[in-house]
Amino acid sequence: MITLNTILGIDEKAIDKYKIHFAIGIKSNNRDEPLNAYRNNTFKEWQECQSKKNFELPFIISLIYFRTDQWLFGGVYKSNGCTFKDGKFYYDTELLDIQQDLIGRIVLSYKKPFRQSYPLLKTCYTNLVVAEILEKPSMIGAFPGYNNVNIDYEDLKTIIRIEEPTWKNALSIMKGVYLIVDKSNGRQYVGSATGENRLWSRWSDYINNGHGNNIGLKELIEEKGIDHTVNFKFSILEIAGMNIAEDAILEREGFWKEVLLSREFGYNNN
């Protein structure tokens, strides 16, 4: 079991100088506000604006709400004081060079037994346990629109795992035809999401097993191993509303297979 303090290596004598900031949106329907700010490179500014004097110790360890009882490491900051303006306290903070390479990558498990968002580090640091270390920082933005989806497998995996709300809402209401490209060789796979198996559910299948039970991709994963999925890139060729018949979507799937020659030169076997 690895704790946050094991990674940060904070001296026991200095622990009283640290506060934890459990960063979560104020409104219940916008709890991902700080996560979105982090992904938009505005978290530092977001955190510096406070309704109260919450950072009255020299150092702040920022943990950003990631999913239920899990927090994304947002860095260690030094507080250089604050100013008061228009009913808000604006802090001057400095991101310290302490495990900066792990910002956005460390996911910590902690079921917060209190409502307070700014506890002293010493009250909880031994219970902040590393659940996962992501291969690269979590930088998933909001859903960009159906015509602009062009996403790597690893990023899609993060979206599915955290159930990123804008992506889940958009992909859960649409059927359609999609494309998977293998970046290692350019080969393509055309698939469709029909009936109850809409885009969100269909793409979740690929995250669960790497191949979505497609024969050509299944053979590829059996040969190359699950790690080969890092080469996959997903996009949407067409979307269809829930009233569109399954046969019509399958017809469009066949059309795109012919256009892209994914049977002859890709992974489609039918």
C-alpha atoms as a PDB file:
ATOM      1  CA  MET A   1       0.000   0.000   0.000  1.00  0.00           C
ATOM      2  CA  ILE A   2       1.471   3.329  -1.120  1.00  0.00           C
ATOM      3  CA  THR A   3       0.297   6.518   0.552  1.00  0.00           C
ATOM      4  CA  LEU A   4       0.493  10.070  -0.733  1.00  0.00           C
ATOM      5  CA  ASN A   5       3.041  10.936   1.922  1.00  0.00           C
ATOM      6  CA  THR A   6       5.277   8.104   0.739  1.00  0.00           C
ATOM      7  CA  ILE A   7       5.372   9.714  -2.699  1.00  0.00           C
ATOM      8  CA  LEU A   8       5.730  13.313  -1.534  1.00  0.00           C
ATOM      9  CA  GLY A   9       8.199  12.528   1.238  1.00  0.00           C
ATOM     10  CA  ILE A  10       7.070  15.296   3.587  1.00  0.00           C
ATOM     11  CA  ASP A  11       9.148  15.550   6.742  1.00  0.00           C
ATOM     12  CA  GLU A  12       7.177  14.705   9.890  1.00  0.00           C
ATOM     13  CA  LYS A  13       8.499  17.890  11.486  1.00  0.00           C
ATOM     14  CA  ALA A  14       6.993  20.004   8.707  1.00  0.00           C
ATOM     15  CA  ILE A  15       3.616  18.314   8.429  1.00  0.00           C
ATOM     16  CA  ASP A  16       1.875  21.006  10.490  1.00  0.00           C
ATOM     17  CA  LYS A  17       2.642  23.494   7.707  1.00  0.00           C
ATOM     18  CA  TYR A  18       0.430  21.737   5.155  1.00  0.00           C
ATOM     19  CA  LYS A  19      -3.247  21.812   4.323  1.00  0.00           C
ATOM     20  CA  ILE A  20      -5.114  19.506   1.965  1.00  0.00           C
ATOM     21  CA  HIS A  21      -7.496  21.046  -0.546  1.00  0.00           C
ATOM     22  CA  PHE A  22     -10.166  18.565  -1.580  1.00  0.00           C
ATOM     23  CA  ALA A  23     -11.200  20.503  -4.677  1.00  0.00           C
ATOM     24  CA  ILE A  24     -14.794  19.870  -5.673  1.00  0.00           C
ATOM     25  CA  GLY A  25     -17.409  22.029  -7.376  1.00  0.00           C
ATOM     26  CA  ILE A  26     -19.597  23.983  -4.986  1.00  0.00           C
ATOM     27  CA  LYS A  27     -22.862  23.078  -6.723  1.00  0.00           C
ATOM     28  CA  SER A  28     -23.944  19.436  -6.631  1.00  0.00           C
ATOM     29  CA  ASN A  29     -24.566  19.434 -10.381  1.00  0.00           C
ATOM     30  CA  ASN A  30     -21.114  20.815 -11.137  1.00  0.00           C
ATOM     31  CA  ARG A  31     -18.813  18.794  -8.916  1.00  0.00           C
ATOM     32  CA  ASP A  32     -16.400  18.327 -11.839  1.00  0.00           C
ATOM     33  CA  GLU A  33     -15.737  22.083 -12.070  1.00  0.00           C
ATOM     34  CA  PRO A  34     -12.150  21.864 -10.703  1.00  0.00           C
ATOM     35  CA  LEU A  35     -11.381  18.832 -12.893  1.00  0.00           C
ATOM     36  CA  ASN A  36     -12.496  20.752 -15.958  1.00  0.00           C
ATOM     37  CA  ALA A  37     -10.414  23.731 -14.808  1.00  0.00           C
ATOM     38  CA  TYR A  38      -7.374  21.452 -14.492  1.00  0.00           C
ATOM     39  CA  ARG A  39      -7.915  20.068 -17.982  1.00  0.00           C
ATOM     40  CA  ASN A  40      -8.227  23.611 -19.317  1.00  0.00           C
ATOM     41  CA  ASN A  41      -4.986  24.637 -17.565  1.00  0.00           C
ATOM     42  CA  THR A  42      -6.833  27.089 -15.302  1.00  0.00           C
ATOM     43  CA  PHE A  43      -6.863  25.125 -12.037  1.00  0.00           C
ATOM     44  CA  LYS A  44      -4.293  27.353 -10.310  1.00  0.00           C
ATOM     45  CA  GLU A  45      -6.451  30.423 -10.939  1.00  0.00           C
ATOM     46  CA  TRP A  46      -9.614  28.523  -9.964  1.00  0.00           C
ATOM     47  CA  GLN A  47      -8.074  27.446  -6.671  1.00  0.00           C
ATOM     48  CA  GLU A  48      -6.682  30.881  -5.828  1.00  0.00           C
ATOM     49  CA  CYS A  49     -10.177  32.423  -5.621  1.00  0.00           C
ATOM     50  CA  GLN A  50     -11.696  31.543  -2.246  1.00  0.00           C
ATOM     51  CA  SER A  51     -14.808  32.670  -0.367  1.00  0.00           C
ATOM     52  CA  LYS A  52     -12.954  32.399   2.978  1.00  0.00           C
ATOM     53  CA  LYS A  53      -9.388  32.438   4.268  1.00  0.00           C
ATOM     54  CA  ASN A  54      -8.864  28.766   3.607  1.00  0.00           C
ATOM     55  CA  PHE A  55      -5.104  28.662   2.985  1.00  0.00           C
ATOM     56  CA  GLU A  56      -3.629  30.142   6.142  1.00  0.00           C
ATOM     57  CA  LEU A  57      -0.720  27.702   6.238  1.00  0.00           C
ATOM     58  CA  PRO A  58       2.419  27.925   4.086  1.00  0.00           C
ATOM     59  CA  PHE A  59       1.677  24.920   1.862  1.00  0.00           C
ATOM     60  CA  ILE A  60      -1.317  23.404   0.030  1.00  0.00           C
ATOM     61  CA  ILE A  61      -1.634  19.903  -1.400  1.00  0.00           C
ATOM     62  CA  SER A  62      -4.327  19.975  -4.065  1.00  0.00           C
ATOM     63  CA  LEU A  63      -6.487  16.910  -4.666  1.00  0.00           C
ATOM     64  CA  ILE A  64      -9.066  17.251  -7.430  1.00  0.00           C
ATOM     65  CA  TYR A  65     -12.362  15.344  -7.420  1.00  0.00           C
ATOM     66  CA  PHE A  66     -11.964  12.570 -10.029  1.00  0.00           C
ATOM     67  CA  ARG A  67     -14.767  10.123  -9.304  1.00  0.00           C
ATOM     68  CA  THR A  68     -16.575   8.855  -6.196  1.00  0.00           C
ATOM     69  CA  ASP A  69     -14.063   8.601  -3.316  1.00  0.00           C
ATOM     70  CA  GLN A  70     -11.129   9.122  -5.680  1.00  0.00           C
ATOM     71  CA  TRP A  71      -8.972  12.215  -6.115  1.00  0.00           C
ATOM     72  CA  LEU A  72      -6.478  13.334  -8.740  1.00  0.00           C
ATOM     73  CA  PHE A  73      -3.175  14.785  -7.508  1.00  0.00           C
ATOM     74  CA  GLY A  74      -3.105  18.450  -8.526  1.00  0.00           C
ATOM     75  CA  GLY A  75       0.279  19.502  -7.146  1.00  0.00           C
ATOM     76  CA  VAL A  76       1.845  21.108  -4.089  1.00  0.00           C
ATOM     77  CA  TYR A  77       1.572  24.882  -3.792  1.00  0.00           C
ATOM     78  CA  LYS A  78       3.120  27.538  -1.604  1.00  0.00           C
ATOM     79  CA  SER A  79       0.810  30.284  -0.349  1.00  0.00           C
ATOM     80  CA  ASN A  80       2.289  33.784  -0.535  1.00  0.00           C
ATOM     81  CA  GLY A  81      -0.645  35.543   1.087  1.00  0.00           C
ATOM     82  CA  CYS A  82      -3.929  36.893  -0.224  1.00  0.00           C
ATOM     83  CA  THR A  83      -5.879  40.041  -1.005  1.00  0.00           C
ATOM     84  CA  PHE A  84      -9.570  40.726  -0.439  1.00  0.00           C
ATOM     85  CA  LYS A  85     -11.687  42.082  -3.272  1.00  0.00           C
ATOM     86  CA  ASP A  86     -15.415  42.071  -4.052  1.00  0.00           C
ATOM     87  CA  GLY A  87     -16.185  39.638  -1.264  1.00  0.00           C
ATOM     88  CA  LYS A  88     -13.534  37.110  -2.305  1.00  0.00           C
ATOM     89  CA  PHE A  89     -10.063  36.206  -1.064  1.00  0.00           C
ATOM     90  CA  TYR A  90      -7.537  35.988  -3.892  1.00  0.00           C
ATOM     91  CA  TYR A  91      -4.453  33.981  -2.995  1.00  0.00           C
ATOM     92  CA  ASP A  92      -1.034  34.327  -4.558  1.00  0.00           C
ATOM     93  CA  THR A  93       0.224  30.747  -4.913  1.00  0.00           C
ATOM     94  CA  GLU A  94       3.294  29.146  -6.407  1.00  0.00           C
ATOM     95  CA  LEU A  95       3.394  25.595  -7.792  1.00  0.00           C
ATOM     96  CA  LEU A  96       6.365  23.869  -6.176  1.00  0.00           C
ATOM     97  CA  ASP A  97       8.726  21.459  -7.892  1.00  0.00           C
ATOM     98  CA  ILE A  98       7.521  18.480  -5.865  1.00  0.00           C
ATOM     99  CA  GLN A  99       6.555  15.481  -8.014  1.00  0.00           C
ATOM    100  CA  GLN A 100       5.309  17.755 -10.797  1.00  0.00           C
ATOM    101  CA  ASP A 101       5.675  14.850 -13.200  1.00  0.00           C
ATOM    102  CA  LEU A 102       2.915  13.052 -11.278  1.00  0.00           C
ATOM    103  CA  ILE A 103       0.378  15.882 -11.441  1.00  0.00           C
ATOM    104  CA  GLY A 104      -2.739  14.598 -13.160  1.00  0.00           C
ATOM    105  CA  ARG A 105      -1.451  11.021 -12.977  1.00  0.00           C
ATOM    106  CA  ILE A 106      -1.786   9.902  -9.360  1.00  0.00           C
ATOM    107  CA  VAL A 107      -5.306   8.788  -8.419  1.00  0.00           C
ATOM    108  CA  LEU A 108      -5.847   8.544  -4.663  1.00  0.00           C
ATOM    109  CA  SER A 109      -8.546   6.627  -2.816  1.00  0.00           C
ATOM    110  CA  TYR A 110     -10.060   8.449   0.137  1.00  0.00           C
ATOM    111  CA  LYS A 111     -13.614   8.331   1.453  1.00  0.00           C
ATOM    112  CA  LYS A 112     -13.867  11.730   3.074  1.00  0.00           C
ATOM    113  CA  PRO A 113     -15.657  11.295   6.435  1.00  0.00           C
ATOM    114  CA  PHE A 114     -16.246  15.031   6.837  1.00  0.00           C
ATOM    115  CA  ARG A 115     -17.684  17.905   4.792  1.00  0.00           C
ATOM    116  CA  GLN A 116     -14.674  20.156   5.245  1.00  0.00           C
ATOM    117  CA  SER A 117     -12.651  20.702   2.066  1.00  0.00           C
ATOM    118  CA  TYR A 118      -9.544  22.203   3.701  1.00  0.00           C
ATOM    119  CA  PRO A 119      -8.371  19.871   6.507  1.00  0.00           C
ATOM    120  CA  LEU A 120      -4.910  19.801   7.994  1.00  0.00           C
ATOM    121  CA  LEU A 121      -2.679  17.286   6.254  1.00  0.00           C
ATOM    122  CA  LYS A 122      -1.900  15.527   9.525  1.00  0.00           C
ATOM    123  CA  THR A 123      -5.557  14.539   9.949  1.00  0.00           C
ATOM    124  CA  CYS A 124      -5.722  12.346   6.866  1.00  0.00           C
ATOM    125  CA  TYR A 125      -2.387  11.902   5.087  1.00  0.00           C
ATOM    126  CA  THR A 126      -1.841   8.302   6.232  1.00  0.00           C
ATOM    127  CA  ASN A 127      -5.208   7.309   4.725  1.00  0.00           C
ATOM    128  CA  LEU A 128      -4.649   8.858   1.303  1.00  0.00           C
ATOM    129  CA  VAL A 129      -3.796   5.678  -0.612  1.00  0.00           C
ATOM    130  CA  VAL A 130      -2.616   5.520  -4.212  1.00  0.00           C
ATOM    131  CA  ALA A 131      -5.231   3.655  -6.260  1.00  0.00           C
ATOM    132  CA  GLU A 132      -3.694   4.130  -9.687  1.00  0.00           C
ATOM    133  CA  ILE A 133      -0.881   5.898 -11.522  1.00  0.00           C
ATOM    134  CA  LEU A 134      -2.002   6.879 -15.004  1.00  0.00           C
ATOM    135  CA  GLU A 135       0.428   6.451 -17.887  1.00  0.00           C
ATOM    136  CA  LYS A 136      -0.085  10.094 -18.852  1.00  0.00           C
ATOM    137  CA  PRO A 137      -1.885  13.025 -17.234  1.00  0.00           C
ATOM    138  CA  SER A 138      -5.651  13.015 -17.387  1.00  0.00           C
ATOM    139  CA  MET A 139      -6.354  15.811 -19.858  1.00  0.00           C
ATOM    140  CA  ILE A 140      -9.793  14.896 -21.156  1.00  0.00           C
ATOM    141  CA  GLY A 141     -11.899  17.891 -22.094  1.00  0.00           C
ATOM    142  CA  ALA A 142     -15.638  18.154 -22.572  1.00  0.00           C
ATOM    143  CA  PHE A 143     -17.303  16.338 -25.486  1.00  0.00           C
ATOM    144  CA  PRO A 144     -16.258  18.244 -28.639  1.00  0.00           C
ATOM    145  CA  GLY A 145     -19.273  17.403 -30.806  1.00  0.00           C
ATOM    146  CA  TYR A 146     -19.929  14.324 -32.933  1.00  0.00           C
ATOM    147  CA  ASN A 147     -18.101  15.709 -35.965  1.00  0.00           C
ATOM    148  CA  ASN A 148     -14.949  16.400 -33.947  1.00  0.00           C
ATOM    149  CA  VAL A 149     -14.411  13.096 -32.151  1.00  0.00           C
ATOM    150  CA  ASN A 150     -10.875  11.832 -32.820  1.00  0.00           C
ATOM    151  CA  ILE A 151      -9.648  10.168 -29.661  1.00  0.00           C
ATOM    152  CA  ASP A 152      -6.944   7.693 -28.690  1.00  0.00           C
ATOM    153  CA  TYR A 153      -7.792   4.437 -26.926  1.00  0.00           C
ATOM    154  CA  GLU A 154      -6.070   5.460 -23.679  1.00  0.00           C
ATOM    155  CA  ASP A 155      -8.036   8.701 -23.507  1.00  0.00           C
ATOM    156  CA  LEU A 156     -11.258   6.868 -24.293  1.00  0.00           C
ATOM    157  CA  LYS A 157     -10.440   4.427 -21.526  1.00  0.00           C
ATOM    158  CA  THR A 158     -10.159   7.303 -19.067  1.00  0.00           C
ATOM    159  CA  ILE A 159     -13.474   8.749 -20.292  1.00  0.00           C
ATOM    160  CA  ILE A 160     -15.244   5.410 -19.850  1.00  0.00           C
ATOM    161  CA  ARG A 161     -13.690   4.707 -16.450  1.00  0.00           C
ATOM    162  CA  ILE A 162     -14.541   8.085 -14.923  1.00  0.00           C
ATOM    163  CA  GLU A 163     -17.839   8.263 -16.814  1.00  0.00           C
ATOM    164  CA  GLU A 164     -17.022  11.785 -17.977  1.00  0.00           C
ATOM    165  CA  PRO A 165     -20.527  13.305 -18.019  1.00  0.00           C
ATOM    166  CA  THR A 166     -20.487  15.286 -21.280  1.00  0.00           C
ATOM    167  CA  TRP A 167     -19.074  12.339 -23.226  1.00  0.00           C
ATOM    168  CA  LYS A 168     -21.396   9.823 -21.581  1.00  0.00           C
ATOM    169  CA  ASN A 169     -24.489  11.939 -22.174  1.00  0.00           C
ATOM    170  CA  ALA A 170     -23.628  12.518 -25.840  1.00  0.00           C
ATOM    171  CA  LEU A 171     -22.635   8.945 -26.688  1.00  0.00           C
ATOM    172  CA  SER A 172     -25.490   7.332 -24.747  1.00  0.00           C
ATOM    173  CA  ILE A 173     -28.242   8.910 -26.842  1.00  0.00           C
ATOM    174  CA  MET A 174     -26.911   8.165 -30.319  1.00  0.00           C
ATOM    175  CA  LYS A 175     -26.615   5.177 -32.574  1.00  0.00           C
ATOM    176  CA  GLY A 176     -24.205   5.449 -35.469  1.00  0.00           C
ATOM    177  CA  VAL A 177     -21.278   4.246 -37.526  1.00  0.00           C
ATOM    178  CA  TYR A 178     -17.750   4.631 -36.167  1.00  0.00           C
ATOM    179  CA  LEU A 179     -14.170   4.105 -37.288  1.00  0.00           C
ATOM    180  CA  ILE A 180     -11.183   2.593 -35.480  1.00  0.00           C
ATOM    181  CA  VAL A 181      -7.770   3.233 -37.020  1.00  0.00           C
ATOM    182  CA  ASP A 182      -4.661   1.253 -36.048  1.00  0.00           C
ATOM    183  CA  LYS A 183      -1.958   3.931 -35.980  1.00  0.00           C
ATOM    184  CA  SER A 184       0.811   1.344 -36.192  1.00  0.00           C
ATOM    185  CA  ASN A 185      -0.117   0.303 -39.721  1.00  0.00           C
ATOM    186  CA  GLY A 186      -3.030   2.453 -40.927  1.00  0.00           C
ATOM    187  CA  ARG A 187      -5.495  -0.436 -41.072  1.00  0.00           C
ATOM    188  CA  GLN A 188      -9.102   0.459 -40.343  1.00  0.00           C
ATOM    189  CA  TYR A 189     -12.177  -1.087 -38.780  1.00  0.00           C
ATOM    190  CA  VAL A 190     -15.714   0.183 -39.430  1.00  0.00           C
ATOM    191  CA  GLY A 191     -18.336  -0.671 -36.827  1.00  0.00           C
ATOM    192  CA  SER A 192     -21.839   0.328 -35.852  1.00  0.00           C
ATOM    193  CA  ALA A 193     -23.789   0.947 -32.672  1.00  0.00           C
ATOM    194  CA  THR A 194     -27.455  -0.042 -32.955  1.00  0.00           C
ATOM    195  CA  GLY A 195     -30.465  -0.666 -30.740  1.00  0.00           C
ATOM    196  CA  GLU A 196     -29.771  -0.497 -27.036  1.00  0.00           C
ATOM    197  CA  ASN A 197     -26.086  -0.896 -27.818  1.00  0.00           C
ATOM    198  CA  ARG A 198     -25.484   2.819 -28.474  1.00  0.00           C
ATOM    199  CA  LEU A 199     -22.092   4.418 -28.938  1.00  0.00           C
ATOM    200  CA  TRP A 200     -21.290   4.680 -25.219  1.00  0.00           C
ATOM    201  CA  SER A 201     -22.123   1.043 -24.553  1.00  0.00           C
ATOM    202  CA  ARG A 202     -20.450  -0.149 -27.760  1.00  0.00           C
ATOM    203  CA  TRP A 203     -17.207   1.696 -27.110  1.00  0.00           C
ATOM    204  CA  SER A 204     -17.222   0.472 -23.506  1.00  0.00           C
ATOM    205  CA  ASP A 205     -16.933  -3.051 -24.919  1.00  0.00           C
ATOM    206  CA  TYR A 206     -13.571  -2.141 -26.475  1.00  0.00           C
ATOM    207  CA  ILE A 207     -12.321  -0.790 -23.165  1.00  0.00           C
ATOM    208  CA  ASN A 208     -13.403  -3.974 -21.387  1.00  0.00           C
ATOM    209  CA  ASN A 209     -11.617  -6.431 -23.681  1.00  0.00           C
ATOM    210  CA  GLY A 210      -9.724  -4.478 -26.338  1.00  0.00           C
ATOM    211  CA  HIS A 211     -11.582  -5.895 -29.334  1.00  0.00           C
ATOM    212  CA  GLY A 212     -15.318  -5.477 -28.750  1.00  0.00           C
ATOM    213  CA  ASN A 213     -15.811  -9.125 -29.806  1.00  0.00           C
ATOM    214  CA  ASN A 214     -15.111  -8.233 -33.450  1.00  0.00           C
ATOM    215  CA  ILE A 215     -13.481 -11.181 -35.202  1.00  0.00           C
ATOM    216  CA  GLY A 216     -10.712  -9.254 -36.985  1.00  0.00           C
ATOM    217  CA  LEU A 217      -9.774  -7.189 -33.940  1.00  0.00           C
ATOM    218  CA  LYS A 218     -10.032 -10.218 -31.669  1.00  0.00           C
ATOM    219  CA  GLU A 219      -7.506 -12.078 -33.826  1.00  0.00           C
ATOM    220  CA  LEU A 220      -5.244  -9.017 -33.726  1.00  0.00           C
ATOM    221  CA  ILE A 221      -5.353  -8.769 -29.915  1.00  0.00           C
ATOM    222  CA  GLU A 222      -4.746 -12.506 -29.557  1.00  0.00           C
ATOM    223  CA  GLU A 223      -1.659 -12.141 -31.754  1.00  0.00           C
ATOM    224  CA  LYS A 224      -0.279  -8.814 -30.503  1.00  0.00           C
ATOM    225  CA  GLY A 225      -1.604  -8.707 -26.938  1.00  0.00           C
ATOM    226  CA  ILE A 226      -3.898  -6.235 -25.205  1.00  0.00           C
ATOM    227  CA  ASP A 227      -1.171  -3.577 -25.120  1.00  0.00           C
ATOM    228  CA  HIS A 228      -1.599  -3.155 -28.876  1.00  0.00           C
ATOM    229  CA  THR A 229      -4.784  -1.174 -28.163  1.00  0.00           C
ATOM    230  CA  VAL A 230      -2.581   1.856 -27.434  1.00  0.00           C
ATOM    231  CA  ASN A 231      -2.447   2.233 -31.233  1.00  0.00           C
ATOM    232  CA  PHE A 232      -6.228   2.534 -31.669  1.00  0.00           C
ATOM    233  CA  LYS A 233      -7.892   5.837 -32.516  1.00  0.00           C
ATOM    234  CA  PHE A 234     -11.681   6.274 -32.507  1.00  0.00           C
ATOM    235  CA  SER A 235     -13.852   8.629 -34.568  1.00  0.00           C
ATOM    236  CA  ILE A 236     -17.502   8.859 -35.635  1.00  0.00           C
ATOM    237  CA  LEU A 237     -18.448   8.582 -39.304  1.00  0.00           C
ATOM    238  CA  GLU A 238     -22.205   9.070 -38.914  1.00  0.00           C
ATOM    239  CA  ILE A 239     -24.690   9.475 -36.098  1.00  0.00           C
ATOM    240  CA  ALA A 240     -28.295   8.321 -36.080  1.00  0.00           C
ATOM    241  CA  GLY A 241     -31.161   9.156 -33.754  1.00  0.00           C
ATOM    242  CA  MET A 242     -32.895   6.542 -31.658  1.00  0.00           C
ATOM    243  CA  ASN A 243     -35.799   6.249 -34.125  1.00  0.00           C
ATOM    244  CA  ILE A 244     -33.575   5.136 -37.013  1.00  0.00           C
ATOM    245  CA  ALA A 245     -34.059   1.447 -37.828  1.00  0.00           C
ATOM    246  CA  GLU A 246     -31.190  -0.960 -37.249  1.00  0.00           C
ATOM    247  CA  ASP A 247     -31.223  -2.107 -40.885  1.00  0.00           C
ATOM    248  CA  ALA A 248     -30.640   1.470 -42.055  1.00  0.00           C
ATOM    249  CA  ILE A 249     -27.587   1.824 -39.822  1.00  0.00           C
ATOM    250  CA  LEU A 250     -26.178  -1.510 -40.941  1.00  0.00           C
ATOM    251  CA  GLU A 251     -26.637  -0.393 -44.542  1.00  0.00           C
ATOM    252  CA  ARG A 252     -24.610   2.743 -43.835  1.00  0.00           C
ATOM    253  CA  GLU A 253     -21.977   0.629 -42.093  1.00  0.00           C
ATOM    254  CA  GLY A 254     -21.644  -1.433 -45.263  1.00  0.00           C
ATOM    255  CA  PHE A 255     -21.389   1.750 -47.322  1.00  0.00           C
ATOM    256  CA  TRP A 256     -18.423   2.998 -45.281  1.00  0.00           C
ATOM    257  CA  LYS A 257     -16.716  -0.378 -45.461  1.00  0.00           C
ATOM    258  CA  GLU A 258     -16.827  -0.074 -49.234  1.00  0.00           C
ATOM    259  CA  VAL A 259     -15.663   3.550 -49.238  1.00  0.00           C
ATOM    260  CA  LEU A 260     -12.712   2.892 -46.933  1.00  0.00           C
ATOM    261  CA  LEU A 261     -11.926  -0.596 -48.289  1.00  0.00           C
ATOM    262  CA  SER A 262     -11.792  -1.850 -44.712  1.00  0.00           C
ATOM    263  CA  ARG A 263     -12.656  -5.391 -45.795  1.00  0.00           C
ATOM    264  CA  GLU A 264      -9.843  -5.573 -48.337  1.00  0.00           C
ATOM    265  CA  PHE A 265      -7.174  -3.691 -46.400  1.00  0.00           C
ATOM    266  CA  GLY A 266      -8.509  -3.374 -42.860  1.00  0.00           C
ATOM    267  CA  TYR A 267      -9.855  -5.493 -40.011  1.00  0.00           C
ATOM    268  CA  ASN A 268     -13.436  -6.021 -41.211  1.00  0.00           C
ATOM    269  CA  ASN A 269     -14.151  -9.648 -42.047  1.00  0.00           C
ATOM    270  CA  ASN A 270     -17.728  -9.226 -43.302  1.00  0.00           C
END
